[in-house]
Amino acid sequence: VMSFQKYKVPTRKMPFPINLFNSEWVGLDNFKFLFTSESAQMIRNTLGYNIVWIILGLVVAVSFAIMMSELTKKFLAKCYQTLMFFPYFLSWVVASYFLLAFMDPVSGLFVYLQRAMGVKPIDWYNSPQYWPVILTICNLWKNVGYSTVLYLSAITGIDHTQYEAAAVDGATKWQQFRNITLPLLMASVNNVVVLSIIGGLKVFDIVVATTGGGPGYATEVFNTMIYNSYSYQKYGEATAGTTLLAVIILVITLCTYQTIAKNEVEL
């Protein structure tokens, strides 16, 4: 309701329910700011990060899962799983302090290395052009372990007699992956992709925690725009952005599950 109103902050004399229905109706005016050039840039950033993180996360996680499934020493495999899975339990606030230890403009490790090499230190937190790569690396470091464990559990559940029969028939490792592992991994891949799409559209904490709100245009995403609207008490614009985001997530989720169901029928 608020997304179609010029909502006013309630007072003690006017409680929220009464104030909500007494606010001025403005139709679609609150949605106009979503189609400005600044908002379009934030939407492009959100979709761009989402696409890159899903593709890289899928490729890296599946690759690590296959490599760990080939390890013969179980102790090493458990160690690698634990080390990769550990960052997933850290909040982005804690992870941002790890990043700060490397990139602090005064005492960061990178600054010391650049000074030692006689190079002018980079002010990372005021250089937006570097942050798409930095955020991508941070996202992979934190989340790839979780996906790897999911894919690894799916791989270990595959009947190994299928690989033995394929090896007897002369199939190479690549042929075994393409014709056995990948088709049987598709159920896990589909679920992870759907969750990644929804999580990517809701991306907020990684940007705010690691950059302190964003050093510039390259790190501004859709949810930071909504957050800023709430901060400036532009409740109509903020709820309009939230409503649009909910609709986008619903449409993408339904389309993705339709595609998954169609692929599963074909398989």
C-alpha atoms as a PDB file:
ATOM      1  CA  VAL A   1       0.000   0.000   0.000  1.00  0.00           C
ATOM      2  CA  MET A   2       2.781   2.418   0.952  1.00  0.00           C
ATOM      3  CA  SER A   3       4.422   2.014  -2.457  1.00  0.00           C
ATOM      4  CA  PHE A   4       1.423   3.797  -4.023  1.00  0.00           C
ATOM      5  CA  GLN A   5       1.270   6.577  -1.429  1.00  0.00           C
ATOM      6  CA  LYS A   6       3.083   9.702  -0.332  1.00  0.00           C
ATOM      7  CA  TYR A   7       3.445   8.186   3.079  1.00  0.00           C
ATOM      8  CA  LYS A   8       3.826  10.384   6.143  1.00  0.00           C
ATOM      9  CA  VAL A   9       5.527   9.329   9.361  1.00  0.00           C
ATOM     10  CA  PRO A  10       2.830   8.617  11.985  1.00  0.00           C
ATOM     11  CA  THR A  11       2.556  10.754  15.107  1.00  0.00           C
ATOM     12  CA  ARG A  12       1.244   9.914  18.555  1.00  0.00           C
ATOM     13  CA  LYS A  13      -2.100  11.426  17.653  1.00  0.00           C
ATOM     14  CA  MET A  14      -2.235   9.451  14.404  1.00  0.00           C
ATOM     15  CA  PRO A  15      -1.368   5.729  14.867  1.00  0.00           C
ATOM     16  CA  PHE A  16       0.095   3.726  12.001  1.00  0.00           C
ATOM     17  CA  PRO A  17      -3.055   1.991  10.635  1.00  0.00           C
ATOM     18  CA  ILE A  18      -5.030   5.233  10.464  1.00  0.00           C
ATOM     19  CA  ASN A  19      -2.075   7.170   9.054  1.00  0.00           C
ATOM     20  CA  LEU A  20      -1.517   4.480   6.390  1.00  0.00           C
ATOM     21  CA  PHE A  21      -4.998   4.837   4.926  1.00  0.00           C
ATOM     22  CA  ASN A  22      -5.065   8.623   5.307  1.00  0.00           C
ATOM     23  CA  SER A  23      -1.837   9.181   3.360  1.00  0.00           C
ATOM     24  CA  GLU A  24      -2.100  10.754  -0.080  1.00  0.00           C
ATOM     25  CA  TRP A  25      -2.394   8.314  -2.991  1.00  0.00           C
ATOM     26  CA  VAL A  26       0.062   9.061  -5.812  1.00  0.00           C
ATOM     27  CA  GLY A  27      -0.381   6.033  -8.055  1.00  0.00           C
ATOM     28  CA  LEU A  28       2.818   4.989  -9.814  1.00  0.00           C
ATOM     29  CA  ASP A  29       4.776   8.159  -9.031  1.00  0.00           C
ATOM     30  CA  ASN A  30       6.982   6.333  -6.509  1.00  0.00           C
ATOM     31  CA  PHE A  31       8.104   3.922  -9.203  1.00  0.00           C
ATOM     32  CA  LYS A  32       9.427   6.666 -11.490  1.00  0.00           C
ATOM     33  CA  PHE A  33      12.747   6.955  -9.652  1.00  0.00           C
ATOM     34  CA  LEU A  34      13.434   3.293 -10.442  1.00  0.00           C
ATOM     35  CA  PHE A  35      13.802   4.188 -14.116  1.00  0.00           C
ATOM     36  CA  THR A  36      16.266   7.069 -13.711  1.00  0.00           C
ATOM     37  CA  SER A  37      19.827   6.639 -14.997  1.00  0.00           C
ATOM     38  CA  GLU A  38      21.201   6.262 -11.443  1.00  0.00           C
ATOM     39  CA  SER A  39      18.705   3.556 -10.533  1.00  0.00           C
ATOM     40  CA  ALA A  40      19.287   1.783 -13.853  1.00  0.00           C
ATOM     41  CA  GLN A  41      23.027   1.661 -13.060  1.00  0.00           C
ATOM     42  CA  MET A  42      22.295   0.045  -9.694  1.00  0.00           C
ATOM     43  CA  ILE A  43      19.982  -2.522 -11.279  1.00  0.00           C
ATOM     44  CA  ARG A  44      22.667  -3.330 -13.889  1.00  0.00           C
ATOM     45  CA  ASN A  45      25.228  -3.742 -11.093  1.00  0.00           C
ATOM     46  CA  THR A  46      22.907  -6.096  -9.217  1.00  0.00           C
ATOM     47  CA  LEU A  47      22.216  -8.249 -12.276  1.00  0.00           C
ATOM     48  CA  GLY A  48      25.870  -8.149 -13.374  1.00  0.00           C
ATOM     49  CA  TYR A  49      27.167  -9.316  -9.997  1.00  0.00           C
ATOM     50  CA  ASN A  50      24.464 -11.983  -9.892  1.00  0.00           C
ATOM     51  CA  ILE A  51      25.378 -13.440 -13.294  1.00  0.00           C
ATOM     52  CA  VAL A  52      29.148 -13.412 -12.706  1.00  0.00           C
ATOM     53  CA  TRP A  53      28.909 -14.876  -9.195  1.00  0.00           C
ATOM     54  CA  ILE A  54      26.571 -17.679 -10.275  1.00  0.00           C
ATOM     55  CA  ILE A  55      28.729 -18.719 -13.253  1.00  0.00           C
ATOM     56  CA  LEU A  56      32.049 -18.531 -11.397  1.00  0.00           C
ATOM     57  CA  GLY A  57      30.575 -20.118  -8.270  1.00  0.00           C
ATOM     58  CA  LEU A  58      29.213 -23.020 -10.296  1.00  0.00           C
ATOM     59  CA  VAL A  59      32.426 -23.651 -12.233  1.00  0.00           C
ATOM     60  CA  VAL A  60      34.763 -23.304  -9.225  1.00  0.00           C
ATOM     61  CA  ALA A  61      32.590 -25.312  -6.823  1.00  0.00           C
ATOM     62  CA  VAL A  62      32.030 -28.202  -9.253  1.00  0.00           C
ATOM     63  CA  SER A  63      35.758 -28.257 -10.103  1.00  0.00           C
ATOM     64  CA  PHE A  64      36.761 -28.393  -6.429  1.00  0.00           C
ATOM     65  CA  ALA A  65      34.144 -31.064  -5.700  1.00  0.00           C
ATOM     66  CA  ILE A  66      35.448 -33.275  -8.515  1.00  0.00           C
ATOM     67  CA  MET A  67      39.062 -32.790  -7.422  1.00  0.00           C
ATOM     68  CA  MET A  68      38.270 -33.672  -3.801  1.00  0.00           C
ATOM     69  CA  SER A  69      36.270 -36.708  -4.873  1.00  0.00           C
ATOM     70  CA  GLU A  70      39.424 -37.996  -6.584  1.00  0.00           C
ATOM     71  CA  LEU A  71      41.532 -37.742  -3.411  1.00  0.00           C
ATOM     72  CA  THR A  72      42.520 -41.140  -2.068  1.00  0.00           C
ATOM     73  CA  LYS A  73      43.580 -39.886   1.379  1.00  0.00           C
ATOM     74  CA  LYS A  74      40.371 -39.268   3.297  1.00  0.00           C
ATOM     75  CA  PHE A  75      42.141 -37.234   6.003  1.00  0.00           C
ATOM     76  CA  LEU A  76      43.296 -34.677   3.449  1.00  0.00           C
ATOM     77  CA  ALA A  77      39.838 -34.550   1.886  1.00  0.00           C
ATOM     78  CA  LYS A  78      38.252 -33.809   5.278  1.00  0.00           C
ATOM     79  CA  CYS A  79      40.841 -31.104   5.984  1.00  0.00           C
ATOM     80  CA  TYR A  80      40.198 -29.421   2.644  1.00  0.00           C
ATOM     81  CA  GLN A  81      36.432 -29.579   3.165  1.00  0.00           C
ATOM     82  CA  THR A  82      36.740 -28.005   6.622  1.00  0.00           C
ATOM     83  CA  LEU A  83      39.056 -25.219   5.426  1.00  0.00           C
ATOM     84  CA  MET A  84      36.786 -24.391   2.487  1.00  0.00           C
ATOM     85  CA  PHE A  85      33.562 -24.593   4.506  1.00  0.00           C
ATOM     86  CA  PHE A  86      34.802 -22.478   7.437  1.00  0.00           C
ATOM     87  CA  PRO A  87      34.408 -19.013   5.778  1.00  0.00           C
ATOM     88  CA  TYR A  88      30.731 -19.740   5.128  1.00  0.00           C
ATOM     89  CA  PHE A  89      30.027 -19.489   8.885  1.00  0.00           C
ATOM     90  CA  LEU A  90      31.641 -16.057   9.197  1.00  0.00           C
ATOM     91  CA  SER A  91      29.453 -12.977   8.974  1.00  0.00           C
ATOM     92  CA  TRP A  92      30.331 -10.352   6.389  1.00  0.00           C
ATOM     93  CA  VAL A  93      31.239  -7.987   9.235  1.00  0.00           C
ATOM     94  CA  VAL A  94      33.986 -10.363  10.374  1.00  0.00           C
ATOM     95  CA  ALA A  95      35.035 -11.039   6.779  1.00  0.00           C
ATOM     96  CA  SER A  96      35.298  -7.290   6.151  1.00  0.00           C
ATOM     97  CA  TYR A  97      37.938  -7.015   8.878  1.00  0.00           C
ATOM     98  CA  PHE A  98      39.981  -9.737   7.176  1.00  0.00           C
ATOM     99  CA  LEU A  99      39.761  -7.650   4.020  1.00  0.00           C
ATOM    100  CA  LEU A 100      40.681  -4.484   5.920  1.00  0.00           C
ATOM    101  CA  ALA A 101      43.887  -6.150   7.142  1.00  0.00           C
ATOM    102  CA  PHE A 102      44.993  -6.404   3.509  1.00  0.00           C
ATOM    103  CA  MET A 103      43.592  -3.161   2.105  1.00  0.00           C
ATOM    104  CA  ASP A 104      43.733  -0.608   4.895  1.00  0.00           C
ATOM    105  CA  PRO A 105      45.112   2.605   3.312  1.00  0.00           C
ATOM    106  CA  VAL A 106      47.501   3.191   6.259  1.00  0.00           C
ATOM    107  CA  SER A 107      48.607  -0.176   7.614  1.00  0.00           C
ATOM    108  CA  GLY A 108      47.263  -2.774   5.178  1.00  0.00           C
ATOM    109  CA  LEU A 109      49.454  -5.590   3.897  1.00  0.00           C
ATOM    110  CA  PHE A 110      49.017  -4.532   0.275  1.00  0.00           C
ATOM    111  CA  VAL A 111      50.075  -0.974   1.151  1.00  0.00           C
ATOM    112  CA  TYR A 112      53.280  -2.223   2.771  1.00  0.00           C
ATOM    113  CA  LEU A 113      54.052  -4.409  -0.249  1.00  0.00           C
ATOM    114  CA  GLN A 114      53.450  -1.541  -2.671  1.00  0.00           C
ATOM    115  CA  ARG A 115      55.705   0.749  -0.648  1.00  0.00           C
ATOM    116  CA  ALA A 116      58.408  -1.922  -0.488  1.00  0.00           C
ATOM    117  CA  MET A 117      58.301  -2.211  -4.290  1.00  0.00           C
ATOM    118  CA  GLY A 118      58.491   1.552  -4.683  1.00  0.00           C
ATOM    119  CA  VAL A 119      54.949   1.789  -6.054  1.00  0.00           C
ATOM    120  CA  LYS A 120      52.475   4.450  -4.991  1.00  0.00           C
ATOM    121  CA  PRO A 121      49.918   2.767  -2.690  1.00  0.00           C
ATOM    122  CA  ILE A 122      46.365   2.497  -4.007  1.00  0.00           C
ATOM    123  CA  ASP A 123      43.581   3.970  -1.903  1.00  0.00           C
ATOM    124  CA  TRP A 124      41.365   0.928  -2.325  1.00  0.00           C
ATOM    125  CA  TYR A 125      38.366   2.275  -0.454  1.00  0.00           C
ATOM    126  CA  ASN A 126      38.157   5.323  -2.711  1.00  0.00           C
ATOM    127  CA  SER A 127      38.822   3.515  -5.997  1.00  0.00           C
ATOM    128  CA  PRO A 128      35.521   2.062  -7.251  1.00  0.00           C
ATOM    129  CA  GLN A 129      37.015   0.524 -10.403  1.00  0.00           C
ATOM    130  CA  TYR A 130      38.708  -2.260  -8.399  1.00  0.00           C
ATOM    131  CA  TRP A 131      35.716  -3.322  -6.343  1.00  0.00           C
ATOM    132  CA  PRO A 132      33.831  -5.515  -8.844  1.00  0.00           C
ATOM    133  CA  VAL A 133      36.835  -7.858  -8.851  1.00  0.00           C
ATOM    134  CA  ILE A 134      37.364  -7.566  -5.081  1.00  0.00           C
ATOM    135  CA  LEU A 135      33.708  -8.297  -4.294  1.00  0.00           C
ATOM    136  CA  THR A 136      33.737 -11.264  -6.691  1.00  0.00           C
ATOM    137  CA  ILE A 137      36.824 -12.749  -4.979  1.00  0.00           C
ATOM    138  CA  CYS A 138      35.284 -12.170  -1.536  1.00  0.00           C
ATOM    139  CA  ASN A 139      32.021 -13.810  -2.569  1.00  0.00           C
ATOM    140  CA  LEU A 140      33.822 -16.848  -3.949  1.00  0.00           C
ATOM    141  CA  TRP A 141      36.035 -17.151  -0.859  1.00  0.00           C
ATOM    142  CA  LYS A 142      33.053 -17.100   1.481  1.00  0.00           C
ATOM    143  CA  ASN A 143      30.457 -19.147  -0.403  1.00  0.00           C
ATOM    144  CA  VAL A 144      32.243 -21.591  -2.701  1.00  0.00           C
ATOM    145  CA  GLY A 145      32.930 -24.023   0.165  1.00  0.00           C
ATOM    146  CA  TYR A 146      29.227 -24.450   0.876  1.00  0.00           C
ATOM    147  CA  SER A 147      28.421 -25.251  -2.756  1.00  0.00           C
ATOM    148  CA  THR A 148      31.438 -27.545  -2.992  1.00  0.00           C
ATOM    149  CA  VAL A 149      30.223 -29.647  -0.057  1.00  0.00           C
ATOM    150  CA  LEU A 150      26.762 -29.951  -1.645  1.00  0.00           C
ATOM    151  CA  TYR A 151      28.211 -31.073  -4.980  1.00  0.00           C
ATOM    152  CA  LEU A 152      30.683 -33.399  -3.270  1.00  0.00           C
ATOM    153  CA  SER A 153      27.911 -35.133  -1.339  1.00  0.00           C
ATOM    154  CA  ALA A 154      26.016 -35.617  -4.609  1.00  0.00           C
ATOM    155  CA  ILE A 155      29.126 -37.026  -6.329  1.00  0.00           C
ATOM    156  CA  THR A 156      29.846 -39.468  -3.484  1.00  0.00           C
ATOM    157  CA  GLY A 157      26.259 -40.731  -3.787  1.00  0.00           C
ATOM    158  CA  ILE A 158      26.779 -41.796  -7.410  1.00  0.00           C
ATOM    159  CA  ASP A 159      27.103 -45.545  -7.926  1.00  0.00           C
ATOM    160  CA  HIS A 160      30.799 -46.163  -8.665  1.00  0.00           C
ATOM    161  CA  THR A 161      29.986 -49.221 -10.744  1.00  0.00           C
ATOM    162  CA  GLN A 162      28.902 -46.793 -13.476  1.00  0.00           C
ATOM    163  CA  TYR A 163      32.424 -45.341 -13.586  1.00  0.00           C
ATOM    164  CA  GLU A 164      33.937 -48.818 -13.580  1.00  0.00           C
ATOM    165  CA  ALA A 165      31.740 -49.894 -16.486  1.00  0.00           C
ATOM    166  CA  ALA A 166      32.609 -46.715 -18.389  1.00  0.00           C
ATOM    167  CA  ALA A 167      36.337 -47.274 -17.771  1.00  0.00           C
ATOM    168  CA  VAL A 168      36.043 -50.838 -19.076  1.00  0.00           C
ATOM    169  CA  ASP A 169      34.393 -49.453 -22.222  1.00  0.00           C
ATOM    170  CA  GLY A 170      37.347 -47.116 -22.684  1.00  0.00           C
ATOM    171  CA  ALA A 171      35.754 -43.838 -21.531  1.00  0.00           C
ATOM    172  CA  THR A 172      38.168 -41.075 -20.566  1.00  0.00           C
ATOM    173  CA  LYS A 173      37.824 -39.011 -17.380  1.00  0.00           C
ATOM    174  CA  TRP A 174      36.225 -36.190 -19.361  1.00  0.00           C
ATOM    175  CA  GLN A 175      33.727 -38.578 -20.980  1.00  0.00           C
ATOM    176  CA  GLN A 176      32.881 -40.011 -17.549  1.00  0.00           C
ATOM    177  CA  PHE A 177      32.284 -36.501 -16.195  1.00  0.00           C
ATOM    178  CA  ARG A 178      30.180 -35.427 -19.185  1.00  0.00           C
ATOM    179  CA  ASN A 179      28.024 -38.566 -19.396  1.00  0.00           C
ATOM    180  CA  ILE A 180      27.795 -39.711 -15.760  1.00  0.00           C
ATOM    181  CA  THR A 181      28.786 -37.065 -13.226  1.00  0.00           C
ATOM    182  CA  LEU A 182      27.235 -33.981 -14.828  1.00  0.00           C
ATOM    183  CA  PRO A 183      23.757 -35.435 -15.555  1.00  0.00           C
ATOM    184  CA  LEU A 184      23.523 -36.850 -12.013  1.00  0.00           C
ATOM    185  CA  LEU A 185      24.688 -33.515 -10.556  1.00  0.00           C
ATOM    186  CA  MET A 186      22.007 -31.478 -12.313  1.00  0.00           C
ATOM    187  CA  ALA A 187      19.478 -31.728  -9.463  1.00  0.00           C
ATOM    188  CA  SER A 188      21.988 -30.236  -7.011  1.00  0.00           C
ATOM    189  CA  VAL A 189      23.146 -27.656  -9.566  1.00  0.00           C
ATOM    190  CA  ASN A 190      19.569 -26.534 -10.204  1.00  0.00           C
ATOM    191  CA  ASN A 191      18.825 -26.046  -6.509  1.00  0.00           C
ATOM    192  CA  VAL A 192      22.054 -24.140  -5.876  1.00  0.00           C
ATOM    193  CA  VAL A 193      21.489 -21.926  -8.923  1.00  0.00           C
ATOM    194  CA  VAL A 194      17.959 -21.002  -7.795  1.00  0.00           C
ATOM    195  CA  LEU A 195      19.181 -20.155  -4.292  1.00  0.00           C
ATOM    196  CA  SER A 196      22.094 -18.192  -5.766  1.00  0.00           C
ATOM    197  CA  ILE A 197      19.784 -16.173  -8.021  1.00  0.00           C
ATOM    198  CA  ILE A 198      17.531 -15.220  -5.119  1.00  0.00           C
ATOM    199  CA  GLY A 199      20.507 -14.488  -2.868  1.00  0.00           C
ATOM    200  CA  GLY A 200      22.182 -12.435  -5.582  1.00  0.00           C
ATOM    201  CA  LEU A 201      19.114 -10.256  -6.078  1.00  0.00           C
ATOM    202  CA  LYS A 202      19.061  -9.622  -2.324  1.00  0.00           C
ATOM    203  CA  VAL A 203      22.770  -8.761  -2.179  1.00  0.00           C
ATOM    204  CA  PHE A 204      23.352  -6.072   0.421  1.00  0.00           C
ATOM    205  CA  ASP A 205      25.521  -7.098   3.374  1.00  0.00           C
ATOM    206  CA  ILE A 206      28.636  -7.889   1.337  1.00  0.00           C
ATOM    207  CA  VAL A 207      28.608  -4.378  -0.170  1.00  0.00           C
ATOM    208  CA  VAL A 208      27.828  -2.463   3.015  1.00  0.00           C
ATOM    209  CA  ALA A 209      30.165  -4.460   5.278  1.00  0.00           C
ATOM    210  CA  THR A 210      33.212  -4.585   3.018  1.00  0.00           C
ATOM    211  CA  THR A 211      33.010  -1.099   1.516  1.00  0.00           C
ATOM    212  CA  GLY A 212      31.211   0.840   4.243  1.00  0.00           C
ATOM    213  CA  GLY A 213      28.376   1.673   1.872  1.00  0.00           C
ATOM    214  CA  GLY A 214      30.241   1.746  -1.398  1.00  0.00           C
ATOM    215  CA  PRO A 215      33.153   3.853  -2.703  1.00  0.00           C
ATOM    216  CA  GLY A 216      31.232   4.713  -5.849  1.00  0.00           C
ATOM    217  CA  TYR A 217      29.003   3.690  -8.701  1.00  0.00           C
ATOM    218  CA  ALA A 218      30.624   0.272  -9.152  1.00  0.00           C
ATOM    219  CA  THR A 219      29.386  -1.060  -5.802  1.00  0.00           C
ATOM    220  CA  GLU A 220      25.943   0.499  -5.614  1.00  0.00           C
ATOM    221  CA  VAL A 221      23.280  -2.207  -5.889  1.00  0.00           C
ATOM    222  CA  PHE A 222      19.507  -2.283  -5.818  1.00  0.00           C
ATOM    223  CA  ASN A 223      19.216  -2.974  -2.091  1.00  0.00           C
ATOM    224  CA  THR A 224      21.585  -0.172  -1.078  1.00  0.00           C
ATOM    225  CA  MET A 225      19.321   2.157  -3.053  1.00  0.00           C
ATOM    226  CA  ILE A 226      16.300   0.894  -1.091  1.00  0.00           C
ATOM    227  CA  TYR A 227      18.218   1.217   2.177  1.00  0.00           C
ATOM    228  CA  ASN A 228      19.209   4.801   1.391  1.00  0.00           C
ATOM    229  CA  SER A 229      15.591   5.655   0.573  1.00  0.00           C
ATOM    230  CA  TYR A 230      14.496   4.362   3.968  1.00  0.00           C
ATOM    231  CA  SER A 231      17.338   6.294   5.630  1.00  0.00           C
ATOM    232  CA  TYR A 232      16.126   9.549   4.075  1.00  0.00           C
ATOM    233  CA  GLN A 233      12.525   8.694   5.065  1.00  0.00           C
ATOM    234  CA  LYS A 234      11.425   8.311   1.447  1.00  0.00           C
ATOM    235  CA  TYR A 235       9.127   5.478   2.430  1.00  0.00           C
ATOM    236  CA  GLY A 236       7.090   5.530  -0.755  1.00  0.00           C
ATOM    237  CA  GLU A 237      10.167   5.096  -2.983  1.00  0.00           C
ATOM    238  CA  ALA A 238      11.675   2.502  -0.643  1.00  0.00           C
ATOM    239  CA  THR A 239       8.562   0.327  -0.574  1.00  0.00           C
ATOM    240  CA  ALA A 240       8.168   0.745  -4.343  1.00  0.00           C
ATOM    241  CA  GLY A 241      11.680  -0.640  -4.802  1.00  0.00           C
ATOM    242  CA  THR A 242      10.930  -3.488  -2.394  1.00  0.00           C
ATOM    243  CA  THR A 243       7.706  -4.322  -4.230  1.00  0.00           C
ATOM    244  CA  LEU A 244       9.473  -4.361  -7.594  1.00  0.00           C
ATOM    245  CA  LEU A 245      12.254  -6.551  -6.170  1.00  0.00           C
ATOM    246  CA  ALA A 246       9.721  -9.041  -4.801  1.00  0.00           C
ATOM    247  CA  VAL A 247       8.016  -9.257  -8.195  1.00  0.00           C
ATOM    248  CA  ILE A 248      11.366  -9.756  -9.980  1.00  0.00           C
ATOM    249  CA  ILE A 249      12.379 -12.538  -7.568  1.00  0.00           C
ATOM    250  CA  LEU A 250       8.988 -14.235  -7.993  1.00  0.00           C
ATOM    251  CA  VAL A 251       9.146 -14.121 -11.798  1.00  0.00           C
ATOM    252  CA  ILE A 252      12.757 -15.329 -11.980  1.00  0.00           C
ATOM    253  CA  THR A 253      12.102 -18.132  -9.485  1.00  0.00           C
ATOM    254  CA  LEU A 254       9.041 -19.373 -11.390  1.00  0.00           C
ATOM    255  CA  CYS A 255      10.854 -19.201 -14.739  1.00  0.00           C
ATOM    256  CA  THR A 256      13.879 -20.985 -13.310  1.00  0.00           C
ATOM    257  CA  TYR A 257      11.810 -23.797 -11.836  1.00  0.00           C
ATOM    258  CA  GLN A 258       9.913 -24.145 -15.120  1.00  0.00           C
ATOM    259  CA  THR A 259      13.238 -24.527 -16.941  1.00  0.00           C
ATOM    260  CA  ILE A 260      14.454 -27.025 -14.323  1.00  0.00           C
ATOM    261  CA  ALA A 261      11.278 -29.108 -14.601  1.00  0.00           C
ATOM    262  CA  LYS A 262      11.560 -29.141 -18.397  1.00  0.00           C
ATOM    263  CA  ASN A 263      15.210 -30.218 -18.276  1.00  0.00           C
ATOM    264  CA  GLU A 264      14.480 -32.960 -15.749  1.00  0.00           C
ATOM    265  CA  VAL A 265      11.741 -34.342 -18.023  1.00  0.00           C
ATOM    266  CA  GLU A 266      14.156 -34.342 -20.968  1.00  0.00           C
ATOM    267  CA  LEU A 267      16.838 -36.091 -18.882  1.00  0.00           C
END
